[in-house]
N, C-alpha and C. Protein backbone atom coordinates (compact mmCIF):
# COMPACT_ATOMS: atom_id res chain seq x y z
N UNK A 1 107.48 109.36 129.02
CA UNK A 1 106.93 109.02 127.73
C UNK A 1 107.95 108.19 126.96
N UNK A 2 107.48 107.08 126.44
CA UNK A 2 108.36 106.22 125.66
C UNK A 2 108.68 106.88 124.33
N UNK A 3 109.83 106.52 123.80
CA UNK A 3 110.23 107.06 122.51
C UNK A 3 109.28 106.60 121.42
N UNK A 4 108.78 105.35 121.51
CA UNK A 4 107.85 104.84 120.51
C UNK A 4 106.57 105.67 120.51
N UNK A 5 106.06 106.01 121.69
CA UNK A 5 104.85 106.81 121.77
C UNK A 5 105.08 108.19 121.19
N UNK A 6 106.26 108.75 121.42
CA UNK A 6 106.58 110.06 120.88
C UNK A 6 106.64 110.01 119.36
N UNK A 7 107.27 108.96 118.83
CA UNK A 7 107.34 108.81 117.37
C UNK A 7 105.96 108.60 116.78
N UNK A 8 105.11 107.85 117.47
CA UNK A 8 103.75 107.63 116.99
C UNK A 8 102.98 108.95 116.97
N UNK A 9 103.18 109.77 117.99
CA UNK A 9 102.50 111.06 118.03
C UNK A 9 102.98 111.96 116.89
N UNK A 10 104.27 111.93 116.60
CA UNK A 10 104.79 112.72 115.48
C UNK A 10 104.23 112.21 114.16
N UNK A 11 104.18 110.90 114.00
CA UNK A 11 103.64 110.32 112.77
C UNK A 11 102.17 110.66 112.61
N UNK A 12 101.44 110.65 113.71
CA UNK A 12 100.03 111.02 113.66
C UNK A 12 99.88 112.46 113.20
N UNK A 13 100.72 113.33 113.71
CA UNK A 13 100.65 114.73 113.32
C UNK A 13 100.91 114.90 111.83
N UNK A 14 101.87 114.15 111.31
CA UNK A 14 102.16 114.22 109.88
C UNK A 14 101.02 113.64 109.05
N UNK A 15 100.45 112.53 109.53
CA UNK A 15 99.34 111.91 108.81
C UNK A 15 98.12 112.81 108.82
N UNK A 16 97.88 113.46 109.95
CA UNK A 16 96.73 114.36 110.06
C UNK A 16 96.89 115.52 109.09
N UNK A 17 98.10 116.06 108.99
CA UNK A 17 98.37 117.14 108.05
C UNK A 17 98.19 116.67 106.61
N UNK A 18 98.67 115.47 106.31
CA UNK A 18 98.56 114.93 104.96
C UNK A 18 97.11 114.69 104.59
N UNK A 19 96.31 114.21 105.54
CA UNK A 19 94.91 113.93 105.24
C UNK A 19 94.12 115.20 104.98
N UNK A 20 94.55 116.30 105.56
CA UNK A 20 93.87 117.57 105.31
C UNK A 20 94.31 118.18 103.99
N UNK A 21 95.39 117.65 103.43
CA UNK A 21 95.93 118.19 102.18
C UNK A 21 95.38 117.46 100.97
N UNK A 22 96.27 117.19 100.03
CA UNK A 22 95.87 116.63 98.74
C UNK A 22 95.36 115.20 98.82
N UNK A 23 95.77 114.44 99.82
CA UNK A 23 95.37 113.04 99.88
C UNK A 23 93.88 112.88 100.09
N UNK A 24 93.26 113.80 100.79
CA UNK A 24 91.84 113.68 101.10
C UNK A 24 90.96 114.31 100.03
N UNK A 25 91.54 114.99 99.07
CA UNK A 25 90.74 115.67 98.06
C UNK A 25 90.27 114.68 97.00
N UNK A 26 89.15 114.98 96.39
CA UNK A 26 88.64 114.10 95.33
C UNK A 26 89.58 114.09 94.13
N UNK A 27 89.64 112.96 93.48
CA UNK A 27 90.48 112.81 92.30
C UNK A 27 89.57 112.83 91.07
N UNK A 28 89.78 113.78 90.19
CA UNK A 28 89.01 113.93 88.95
C UNK A 28 87.51 113.97 89.22
N UNK A 29 87.11 114.67 90.27
CA UNK A 29 85.69 114.82 90.58
C UNK A 29 85.08 113.64 91.30
N UNK A 30 85.86 112.63 91.59
CA UNK A 30 85.34 111.46 92.30
C UNK A 30 86.14 111.25 93.57
N UNK A 31 85.48 110.65 94.54
CA UNK A 31 86.16 110.34 95.80
C UNK A 31 87.16 109.20 95.55
N UNK A 32 88.37 109.36 96.04
CA UNK A 32 89.40 108.33 95.87
C UNK A 32 89.02 107.10 96.69
N UNK A 33 88.99 105.93 96.06
CA UNK A 33 88.65 104.67 96.73
C UNK A 33 89.93 103.88 96.93
N UNK A 34 90.60 104.13 98.03
CA UNK A 34 91.85 103.46 98.31
C UNK A 34 91.81 102.96 99.75
N UNK A 35 91.96 101.66 99.96
CA UNK A 35 91.90 101.12 101.33
C UNK A 35 92.95 101.72 102.26
N UNK A 36 94.11 102.07 101.72
CA UNK A 36 95.16 102.65 102.56
C UNK A 36 94.72 104.02 103.08
N UNK A 37 94.12 104.82 102.22
CA UNK A 37 93.64 106.13 102.65
C UNK A 37 92.47 105.98 103.62
N UNK A 38 91.62 104.98 103.37
CA UNK A 38 90.50 104.73 104.30
C UNK A 38 91.03 104.36 105.68
N UNK A 39 92.09 103.55 105.71
CA UNK A 39 92.68 103.15 106.98
C UNK A 39 93.30 104.35 107.69
N UNK A 40 93.95 105.23 106.91
CA UNK A 40 94.51 106.44 107.51
C UNK A 40 93.42 107.34 108.07
N UNK A 41 92.31 107.45 107.36
CA UNK A 41 91.20 108.25 107.85
C UNK A 41 90.63 107.65 109.14
N UNK A 42 90.52 106.32 109.18
CA UNK A 42 90.01 105.66 110.38
C UNK A 42 90.96 105.88 111.56
N UNK A 43 92.27 105.78 111.31
CA UNK A 43 93.26 106.01 112.35
C UNK A 43 93.17 107.44 112.86
N UNK A 44 93.13 108.39 111.94
CA UNK A 44 93.04 109.79 112.35
C UNK A 44 91.74 110.06 113.10
N UNK A 45 90.66 109.43 112.66
CA UNK A 45 89.37 109.62 113.34
C UNK A 45 89.38 109.07 114.75
N UNK A 46 89.97 107.90 114.94
CA UNK A 46 90.04 107.31 116.28
C UNK A 46 90.88 108.16 117.22
N UNK A 47 91.98 108.66 116.72
CA UNK A 47 92.85 109.48 117.57
C UNK A 47 92.20 110.83 117.84
N UNK A 48 91.54 111.39 116.85
CA UNK A 48 90.86 112.68 117.05
C UNK A 48 89.73 112.54 118.06
N UNK A 49 89.02 111.41 118.01
CA UNK A 49 87.95 111.17 118.99
C UNK A 49 88.54 111.09 120.40
N UNK A 50 89.70 110.43 120.53
CA UNK A 50 90.36 110.35 121.82
C UNK A 50 90.78 111.73 122.32
N UNK A 51 91.27 112.56 121.41
CA UNK A 51 91.67 113.91 121.79
C UNK A 51 90.46 114.73 122.25
N UNK A 52 89.38 114.66 121.48
CA UNK A 52 88.18 115.42 121.83
C UNK A 52 87.59 114.96 123.15
N UNK A 53 87.60 113.65 123.37
CA UNK A 53 87.05 113.11 124.62
C UNK A 53 87.91 113.52 125.80
N UNK A 54 89.23 113.52 125.62
CA UNK A 54 90.09 113.93 126.73
C UNK A 54 89.92 115.42 127.05
N UNK A 55 89.75 116.24 126.04
CA UNK A 55 89.48 117.67 126.28
C UNK A 55 88.14 117.84 126.97
N UNK A 56 87.14 117.09 126.53
CA UNK A 56 85.83 117.16 127.16
C UNK A 56 85.89 116.70 128.62
N UNK A 57 86.70 115.69 128.89
CA UNK A 57 86.84 115.21 130.26
C UNK A 57 87.51 116.27 131.14
N UNK A 58 88.52 116.92 130.60
CA UNK A 58 89.23 117.94 131.38
C UNK A 58 88.34 119.16 131.67
N UNK A 59 87.39 119.42 130.78
CA UNK A 59 86.50 120.56 131.00
C UNK A 59 85.20 120.15 131.69
N UNK A 60 85.09 118.88 132.04
CA UNK A 60 83.93 118.40 132.78
C UNK A 60 82.78 117.94 131.90
N UNK A 61 83.01 117.77 130.61
CA UNK A 61 81.94 117.39 129.71
C UNK A 61 81.87 115.91 129.39
N UNK A 62 82.74 115.11 129.96
CA UNK A 62 82.74 113.67 129.67
C UNK A 62 83.05 112.90 130.95
N UNK A 63 82.52 111.69 131.00
CA UNK A 63 82.78 110.85 132.18
C UNK A 63 84.06 110.04 131.98
N UNK A 64 84.63 109.53 133.08
CA UNK A 64 85.89 108.77 132.97
C UNK A 64 85.78 107.53 132.08
N UNK A 65 84.61 106.89 132.09
CA UNK A 65 84.44 105.67 131.30
C UNK A 65 84.60 105.97 129.81
N UNK A 66 83.99 107.04 129.33
CA UNK A 66 84.10 107.37 127.90
C UNK A 66 85.53 107.77 127.55
N UNK A 67 86.23 108.41 128.49
CA UNK A 67 87.63 108.77 128.26
C UNK A 67 88.49 107.52 128.10
N UNK A 68 88.32 106.57 128.99
CA UNK A 68 89.10 105.33 128.92
C UNK A 68 88.78 104.57 127.65
N UNK A 69 87.51 104.53 127.28
CA UNK A 69 87.11 103.83 126.07
C UNK A 69 87.72 104.49 124.82
N UNK A 70 87.65 105.80 124.73
CA UNK A 70 88.20 106.51 123.57
C UNK A 70 89.72 106.36 123.50
N UNK A 71 90.38 106.43 124.64
CA UNK A 71 91.83 106.28 124.65
C UNK A 71 92.25 104.85 124.29
N UNK A 72 91.46 103.87 124.73
CA UNK A 72 91.77 102.48 124.38
C UNK A 72 91.60 102.26 122.88
N UNK A 73 90.56 102.85 122.28
CA UNK A 73 90.37 102.73 120.84
C UNK A 73 91.51 103.41 120.07
N UNK A 74 91.93 104.57 120.55
CA UNK A 74 93.04 105.27 119.90
C UNK A 74 94.33 104.47 120.02
N UNK A 75 94.55 103.90 121.19
CA UNK A 75 95.76 103.09 121.39
C UNK A 75 95.75 101.86 120.47
N UNK A 76 94.60 101.22 120.35
CA UNK A 76 94.49 100.04 119.50
C UNK A 76 94.71 100.42 118.03
N UNK A 77 94.20 101.58 117.62
CA UNK A 77 94.39 102.03 116.24
C UNK A 77 95.86 102.30 115.96
N UNK A 78 96.55 102.92 116.91
CA UNK A 78 97.97 103.21 116.73
C UNK A 78 98.78 101.92 116.70
N UNK A 79 98.47 101.00 117.61
CA UNK A 79 99.19 99.73 117.63
C UNK A 79 98.98 98.96 116.33
N UNK A 80 97.76 99.01 115.79
CA UNK A 80 97.48 98.34 114.52
C UNK A 80 98.29 98.98 113.40
N UNK A 81 98.32 100.30 113.37
CA UNK A 81 99.08 101.00 112.33
C UNK A 81 100.57 100.69 112.44
N UNK A 82 101.09 100.62 113.65
CA UNK A 82 102.50 100.31 113.85
C UNK A 82 102.79 98.87 113.41
N UNK A 83 101.89 97.95 113.71
CA UNK A 83 102.07 96.56 113.31
C UNK A 83 102.06 96.43 111.79
N UNK A 84 101.13 97.12 111.15
CA UNK A 84 101.08 97.07 109.68
C UNK A 84 102.36 97.67 109.10
N UNK A 85 102.80 98.79 109.66
CA UNK A 85 104.04 99.41 109.18
C UNK A 85 105.22 98.45 109.33
N UNK A 86 105.30 97.79 110.49
CA UNK A 86 106.40 96.84 110.72
C UNK A 86 106.36 95.69 109.71
N UNK A 87 105.17 95.20 109.40
CA UNK A 87 105.04 94.11 108.43
C UNK A 87 105.46 94.57 107.03
N UNK A 88 105.09 95.79 106.67
CA UNK A 88 105.48 96.31 105.36
C UNK A 88 106.99 96.47 105.28
N UNK A 89 107.60 96.99 106.33
CA UNK A 89 109.06 97.15 106.35
C UNK A 89 109.74 95.80 106.30
N UNK A 90 109.20 94.83 107.04
CA UNK A 90 109.77 93.48 107.05
C UNK A 90 109.68 92.85 105.66
N UNK A 91 108.56 93.03 104.97
CA UNK A 91 108.40 92.48 103.63
C UNK A 91 109.37 93.16 102.66
N UNK A 92 109.53 94.47 102.79
CA UNK A 92 110.46 95.20 101.93
C UNK A 92 111.89 94.71 102.16
N UNK A 93 112.27 94.53 103.41
CA UNK A 93 113.61 94.04 103.71
C UNK A 93 113.81 92.63 103.17
N UNK A 94 112.78 91.83 103.22
CA UNK A 94 112.87 90.47 102.68
C UNK A 94 113.07 90.53 101.16
N UNK A 95 112.41 91.45 100.50
CA UNK A 95 112.61 91.62 99.05
C UNK A 95 114.04 92.06 98.75
N UNK A 96 114.59 92.90 99.57
CA UNK A 96 115.96 93.36 99.36
C UNK A 96 116.97 92.22 99.54
N UNK A 97 116.64 91.25 100.37
CA UNK A 97 117.57 90.13 100.61
C UNK A 97 117.51 89.08 99.53
N UNK A 98 116.51 89.15 98.66
CA UNK A 98 116.37 88.14 97.60
C UNK A 98 117.48 88.30 96.58
N UNK A 99 118.06 87.17 96.15
CA UNK A 99 119.10 87.26 95.11
C UNK A 99 118.46 87.60 93.77
N UNK A 100 119.21 88.35 92.99
CA UNK A 100 118.69 88.78 91.69
C UNK A 100 119.20 87.86 90.60
């Protein structure tokens, strides 16, 4: 297992915990409309679907094609999240290099 994959799995676990906590709760009686939270929910949903499909495959409830498809979607979601994170970090570092 690559270190990057391990770190992604840890980050997913933290994000999943955060989404079940205060971040997913309604704000002042209304659903929070934030694209970042929506993206986190989509990421968690794709990975959760991959997990459920892999468990179903191991117990004989899913075919190999659906397993590969779910895992590919989860991988793409993680790669997208990592790319966005890298771009945000790069932009932040660029701001730090700017003369004041």
